[in-house]
């Protein structure tokens, strides 16, 4: 099971990498680089920032719910992603990097305040049950890092 420290360290490292990849995108001008399929780096940063913001915002309701309440059951994730990306599309790259930093700092602070019982509680996401700590590590760290990796791959050296 992921520990509080692993989650918050992962979020801190995510911020470091978001700044590094952002600098690369600034240097190469590739913020809006397209591939045949998928999001641009700008869109990925919008998504990462939104995810970080939702952790501390929606986390308390998730923790308060029963173990079998799937937060994705009543949410169309594709529509949610499209809406959050559209809402931030006009932000500058500098603003997006700052939003990732702010939202993940807030998420990390929220995780720091969770009890061991909260972290060990079973939750359901996309029909999969897991400890809340694993959900936070998977969505808050691994998922976001995956998108940073994808953004970095669009840099044209």
C-alpha atoms as a PDB file:
ATOM      1  CA  UNK A   1       0.000   0.000   0.000  1.00  0.00           C
ATOM      2  CA  UNK A   2       1.315   3.450  -0.909  1.00  0.00           C
ATOM      3  CA  UNK A   3       2.411   5.496   2.075  1.00  0.00           C
ATOM      4  CA  UNK A   4       1.541   9.112   2.773  1.00  0.00           C
ATOM      5  CA  UNK A   5       5.218   9.981   2.243  1.00  0.00           C
ATOM      6  CA  UNK A   6       5.374   8.185  -1.110  1.00  0.00           C
ATOM      7  CA  UNK A   7       2.291  10.043  -2.312  1.00  0.00           C
ATOM      8  CA  UNK A   8       3.467  13.478  -1.202  1.00  0.00           C
ATOM      9  CA  UNK A   9       7.028  12.876  -2.426  1.00  0.00           C
ATOM     10  CA  UNK A  10       5.582  11.786  -5.774  1.00  0.00           C
ATOM     11  CA  UNK A  11       3.494  14.951  -5.973  1.00  0.00           C
ATOM     12  CA  UNK A  12       6.542  17.090  -5.145  1.00  0.00           C
ATOM     13  CA  UNK A  13       8.552  15.346  -7.875  1.00  0.00           C
ATOM     14  CA  UNK A  14       5.649  15.817 -10.290  1.00  0.00           C
ATOM     15  CA  UNK A  15       5.919  19.583  -9.734  1.00  0.00           C
ATOM     16  CA  UNK A  16       9.668  19.474 -10.428  1.00  0.00           C
ATOM     17  CA  UNK A  17       9.112  17.530 -13.654  1.00  0.00           C
ATOM     18  CA  UNK A  18       6.203  19.759 -14.751  1.00  0.00           C
ATOM     19  CA  UNK A  19       8.525  22.758 -14.507  1.00  0.00           C
ATOM     20  CA  UNK A  20      11.337  20.949 -16.366  1.00  0.00           C
ATOM     21  CA  UNK A  21       9.117  19.752 -19.213  1.00  0.00           C
ATOM     22  CA  UNK A  22       7.480  23.191 -19.336  1.00  0.00           C
ATOM     23  CA  UNK A  23      10.907  24.780 -19.861  1.00  0.00           C
ATOM     24  CA  UNK A  24      11.611  22.350 -22.705  1.00  0.00           C
ATOM     25  CA  UNK A  25       8.281  23.203 -24.312  1.00  0.00           C
ATOM     26  CA  UNK A  26       9.042  26.919 -23.911  1.00  0.00           C
ATOM     27  CA  UNK A  27      12.485  26.502 -25.510  1.00  0.00           C
ATOM     28  CA  UNK A  28      11.158  24.573 -28.494  1.00  0.00           C
ATOM     29  CA  UNK A  29       7.787  26.294 -28.858  1.00  0.00           C
ATOM     30  CA  UNK A  30       6.039  22.926 -28.840  1.00  0.00           C
ATOM     31  CA  UNK A  31       3.179  23.687 -26.422  1.00  0.00           C
ATOM     32  CA  UNK A  32       0.645  23.099 -29.186  1.00  0.00           C
ATOM     33  CA  UNK A  33       2.445  20.259 -31.004  1.00  0.00           C
ATOM     34  CA  UNK A  34      -0.051  17.753 -32.394  1.00  0.00           C
ATOM     35  CA  UNK A  35       0.246  14.089 -33.159  1.00  0.00           C
ATOM     36  CA  UNK A  36      -2.207  12.165 -35.311  1.00  0.00           C
ATOM     37  CA  UNK A  37      -4.083  11.273 -32.114  1.00  0.00           C
ATOM     38  CA  UNK A  38      -4.045  12.571 -28.577  1.00  0.00           C
ATOM     39  CA  UNK A  39      -3.704  15.833 -26.752  1.00  0.00           C
ATOM     40  CA  UNK A  40      -1.201  18.623 -27.244  1.00  0.00           C
ATOM     41  CA  UNK A  41       1.203  19.379 -24.386  1.00  0.00           C
ATOM     42  CA  UNK A  42      -0.975  22.399 -23.517  1.00  0.00           C
ATOM     43  CA  UNK A  43      -4.022  20.135 -23.253  1.00  0.00           C
ATOM     44  CA  UNK A  44      -2.076  17.648 -21.143  1.00  0.00           C
ATOM     45  CA  UNK A  45      -1.044  20.403 -18.728  1.00  0.00           C
ATOM     46  CA  UNK A  46      -4.689  21.507 -18.499  1.00  0.00           C
ATOM     47  CA  UNK A  47      -5.650  17.931 -17.667  1.00  0.00           C
ATOM     48  CA  UNK A  48      -2.848  17.504 -15.107  1.00  0.00           C
ATOM     49  CA  UNK A  49      -3.728  20.805 -13.417  1.00  0.00           C
ATOM     50  CA  UNK A  50      -7.423  19.862 -13.301  1.00  0.00           C
ATOM     51  CA  UNK A  51      -6.658  16.445 -11.849  1.00  0.00           C
ATOM     52  CA  UNK A  52      -4.496  17.993  -9.144  1.00  0.00           C
ATOM     53  CA  UNK A  53      -7.250  20.464  -8.340  1.00  0.00           C
ATOM     54  CA  UNK A  54      -9.874  17.748  -8.071  1.00  0.00           C
ATOM     55  CA  UNK A  55      -7.864  15.687  -5.580  1.00  0.00           C
ATOM     56  CA  UNK A  56      -8.242  18.112  -2.687  1.00  0.00           C
ATOM     57  CA  UNK A  57     -11.622  19.368  -3.909  1.00  0.00           C
ATOM     58  CA  UNK A  58     -13.376  16.012  -4.400  1.00  0.00           C
ATOM     59  CA  UNK A  59     -11.251  13.884  -2.084  1.00  0.00           C
ATOM     60  CA  UNK A  60     -13.235  14.548   1.091  1.00  0.00           C
ATOM     61  CA  UNK A  61     -16.482  13.389  -0.552  1.00  0.00           C
ATOM     62  CA  UNK A  62     -14.735  10.310  -1.913  1.00  0.00           C
ATOM     63  CA  UNK A  63     -13.400   9.421   1.534  1.00  0.00           C
ATOM     64  CA  UNK A  64     -16.796   9.995   3.144  1.00  0.00           C
ATOM     65  CA  UNK A  65     -18.549   7.638   0.734  1.00  0.00           C
ATOM     66  CA  UNK A  66     -18.990   3.905   1.148  1.00  0.00           C
ATOM     67  CA  UNK A  67     -16.329   1.546  -0.201  1.00  0.00           C
ATOM     68  CA  UNK A  68     -18.481   0.444  -3.132  1.00  0.00           C
ATOM     69  CA  UNK A  69     -19.499   3.952  -4.269  1.00  0.00           C
ATOM     70  CA  UNK A  70     -17.742   4.325  -7.624  1.00  0.00           C
ATOM     71  CA  UNK A  71     -17.087   8.001  -8.269  1.00  0.00           C
ATOM     72  CA  UNK A  72     -16.806   7.306 -11.991  1.00  0.00           C
ATOM     73  CA  UNK A  73     -20.187   5.577 -12.232  1.00  0.00           C
ATOM     74  CA  UNK A  74     -22.150   8.805 -12.647  1.00  0.00           C
ATOM     75  CA  UNK A  75     -19.384  10.723 -14.431  1.00  0.00           C
ATOM     76  CA  UNK A  76     -18.495  10.583 -18.092  1.00  0.00           C
ATOM     77  CA  UNK A  77     -14.709  10.905 -17.775  1.00  0.00           C
ATOM     78  CA  UNK A  78     -14.235  11.858 -21.441  1.00  0.00           C
ATOM     79  CA  UNK A  79     -16.752  14.705 -21.091  1.00  0.00           C
ATOM     80  CA  UNK A  80     -15.184  15.824 -17.804  1.00  0.00           C
ATOM     81  CA  UNK A  81     -11.735  15.852 -19.417  1.00  0.00           C
ATOM     82  CA  UNK A  82     -13.023  17.847 -22.399  1.00  0.00           C
ATOM     83  CA  UNK A  83     -14.732  20.387 -20.133  1.00  0.00           C
ATOM     84  CA  UNK A  84     -11.744  20.908 -17.851  1.00  0.00           C
ATOM     85  CA  UNK A  85      -9.350  21.234 -20.778  1.00  0.00           C
ATOM     86  CA  UNK A  86     -11.630  23.715 -22.532  1.00  0.00           C
ATOM     87  CA  UNK A  87     -11.936  25.787 -19.361  1.00  0.00           C
ATOM     88  CA  UNK A  88      -8.146  26.287 -19.196  1.00  0.00           C
ATOM     89  CA  UNK A  89      -7.210  26.317 -22.873  1.00  0.00           C
ATOM     90  CA  UNK A  90      -6.665  30.084 -22.952  1.00  0.00           C
ATOM     91  CA  UNK A  91      -4.126  30.054 -20.118  1.00  0.00           C
ATOM     92  CA  UNK A  92      -0.519  30.790 -20.977  1.00  0.00           C
ATOM     93  CA  UNK A  93       2.077  28.047 -20.539  1.00  0.00           C
ATOM     94  CA  UNK A  94       3.454  29.923 -17.527  1.00  0.00           C
ATOM     95  CA  UNK A  95      -0.012  29.996 -15.961  1.00  0.00           C
ATOM     96  CA  UNK A  96      -0.518  26.280 -16.627  1.00  0.00           C
ATOM     97  CA  UNK A  97       2.777  25.320 -14.980  1.00  0.00           C
ATOM     98  CA  UNK A  98       1.907  27.556 -12.017  1.00  0.00           C
ATOM     99  CA  UNK A  99      -1.537  25.952 -11.773  1.00  0.00           C
ATOM    100  CA  UNK A 100      -0.003  22.465 -11.735  1.00  0.00           C
ATOM    101  CA  UNK A 101       2.302  23.596  -8.926  1.00  0.00           C
ATOM    102  CA  UNK A 102      -0.494  25.217  -6.919  1.00  0.00           C
ATOM    103  CA  UNK A 103      -2.968  22.376  -7.343  1.00  0.00           C
ATOM    104  CA  UNK A 104      -0.477  19.627  -6.522  1.00  0.00           C
ATOM    105  CA  UNK A 105       0.850  21.574  -3.539  1.00  0.00           C
ATOM    106  CA  UNK A 106      -2.742  21.844  -2.264  1.00  0.00           C
ATOM    107  CA  UNK A 107      -3.330  18.149  -2.974  1.00  0.00           C
ATOM    108  CA  UNK A 108      -0.147  17.192  -1.132  1.00  0.00           C
ATOM    109  CA  UNK A 109      -1.114  19.349   1.854  1.00  0.00           C
ATOM    110  CA  UNK A 110      -4.516  17.653   1.910  1.00  0.00           C
ATOM    111  CA  UNK A 111      -2.921  14.191   1.792  1.00  0.00           C
ATOM    112  CA  UNK A 112      -0.606  15.176   4.661  1.00  0.00           C
ATOM    113  CA  UNK A 113      -3.683  15.803   6.819  1.00  0.00           C
ATOM    114  CA  UNK A 114      -5.332  12.444   6.153  1.00  0.00           C
ATOM    115  CA  UNK A 115      -5.486   9.867   8.904  1.00  0.00           C
ATOM    116  CA  UNK A 116      -4.023   6.402   8.502  1.00  0.00           C
ATOM    117  CA  UNK A 117      -7.611   5.135   8.584  1.00  0.00           C
ATOM    118  CA  UNK A 118      -8.488   7.390   5.630  1.00  0.00           C
ATOM    119  CA  UNK A 119      -5.506   6.171   3.628  1.00  0.00           C
ATOM    120  CA  UNK A 120      -6.280   2.532   4.353  1.00  0.00           C
ATOM    121  CA  UNK A 121     -10.007   2.805   3.608  1.00  0.00           C
ATOM    122  CA  UNK A 122     -11.226   0.873   0.582  1.00  0.00           C
ATOM    123  CA  UNK A 123     -12.552   2.973  -2.289  1.00  0.00           C
ATOM    124  CA  UNK A 124     -13.845   2.220  -5.774  1.00  0.00           C
ATOM    125  CA  UNK A 125     -12.678   3.927  -8.944  1.00  0.00           C
ATOM    126  CA  UNK A 126     -13.636   2.696 -12.424  1.00  0.00           C
ATOM    127  CA  UNK A 127     -15.094  -0.480 -10.907  1.00  0.00           C
ATOM    128  CA  UNK A 128     -11.806  -1.328  -9.152  1.00  0.00           C
ATOM    129  CA  UNK A 129     -11.589  -1.445  -5.370  1.00  0.00           C
ATOM    130  CA  UNK A 130      -8.334  -0.404  -3.738  1.00  0.00           C
ATOM    131  CA  UNK A 131      -7.046   1.403  -0.656  1.00  0.00           C
ATOM    132  CA  UNK A 132      -7.479   5.171  -0.881  1.00  0.00           C
ATOM    133  CA  UNK A 133      -3.690   5.539  -0.694  1.00  0.00           C
ATOM    134  CA  UNK A 134      -3.314   3.494  -3.889  1.00  0.00           C
ATOM    135  CA  UNK A 135      -5.989   5.521  -5.630  1.00  0.00           C
ATOM    136  CA  UNK A 136      -4.173   8.735  -4.664  1.00  0.00           C
ATOM    137  CA  UNK A 137      -0.799   7.362  -5.775  1.00  0.00           C
ATOM    138  CA  UNK A 138      -2.200   6.051  -9.058  1.00  0.00           C
ATOM    139  CA  UNK A 139      -4.282   9.088 -10.045  1.00  0.00           C
ATOM    140  CA  UNK A 140      -2.302  11.809  -8.312  1.00  0.00           C
ATOM    141  CA  UNK A 141       1.186  10.653  -9.206  1.00  0.00           C
ATOM    142  CA  UNK A 142       1.445   7.895 -11.824  1.00  0.00           C
ATOM    143  CA  UNK A 143      -1.387   9.143 -14.046  1.00  0.00           C
ATOM    144  CA  UNK A 144      -0.068  12.712 -14.021  1.00  0.00           C
ATOM    145  CA  UNK A 145       3.502  11.591 -14.696  1.00  0.00           C
ATOM    146  CA  UNK A 146       2.269   9.564 -17.653  1.00  0.00           C
ATOM    147  CA  UNK A 147       0.853  12.748 -19.188  1.00  0.00           C
ATOM    148  CA  UNK A 148       4.055  14.691 -18.479  1.00  0.00           C
ATOM    149  CA  UNK A 149       5.965  11.932 -20.267  1.00  0.00           C
ATOM    150  CA  UNK A 150       3.589  12.216 -23.229  1.00  0.00           C
ATOM    151  CA  UNK A 151       4.076  16.012 -23.279  1.00  0.00           C
ATOM    152  CA  UNK A 152       7.860  15.574 -23.235  1.00  0.00           C
ATOM    153  CA  UNK A 153       7.678  13.231 -26.218  1.00  0.00           C
ATOM    154  CA  UNK A 154       6.249  16.074 -28.310  1.00  0.00           C
ATOM    155  CA  UNK A 155       9.385  18.198 -27.874  1.00  0.00           C
ATOM    156  CA  UNK A 156      11.201  18.606 -31.173  1.00  0.00           C
ATOM    157  CA  UNK A 157      14.913  18.858 -30.366  1.00  0.00           C
END
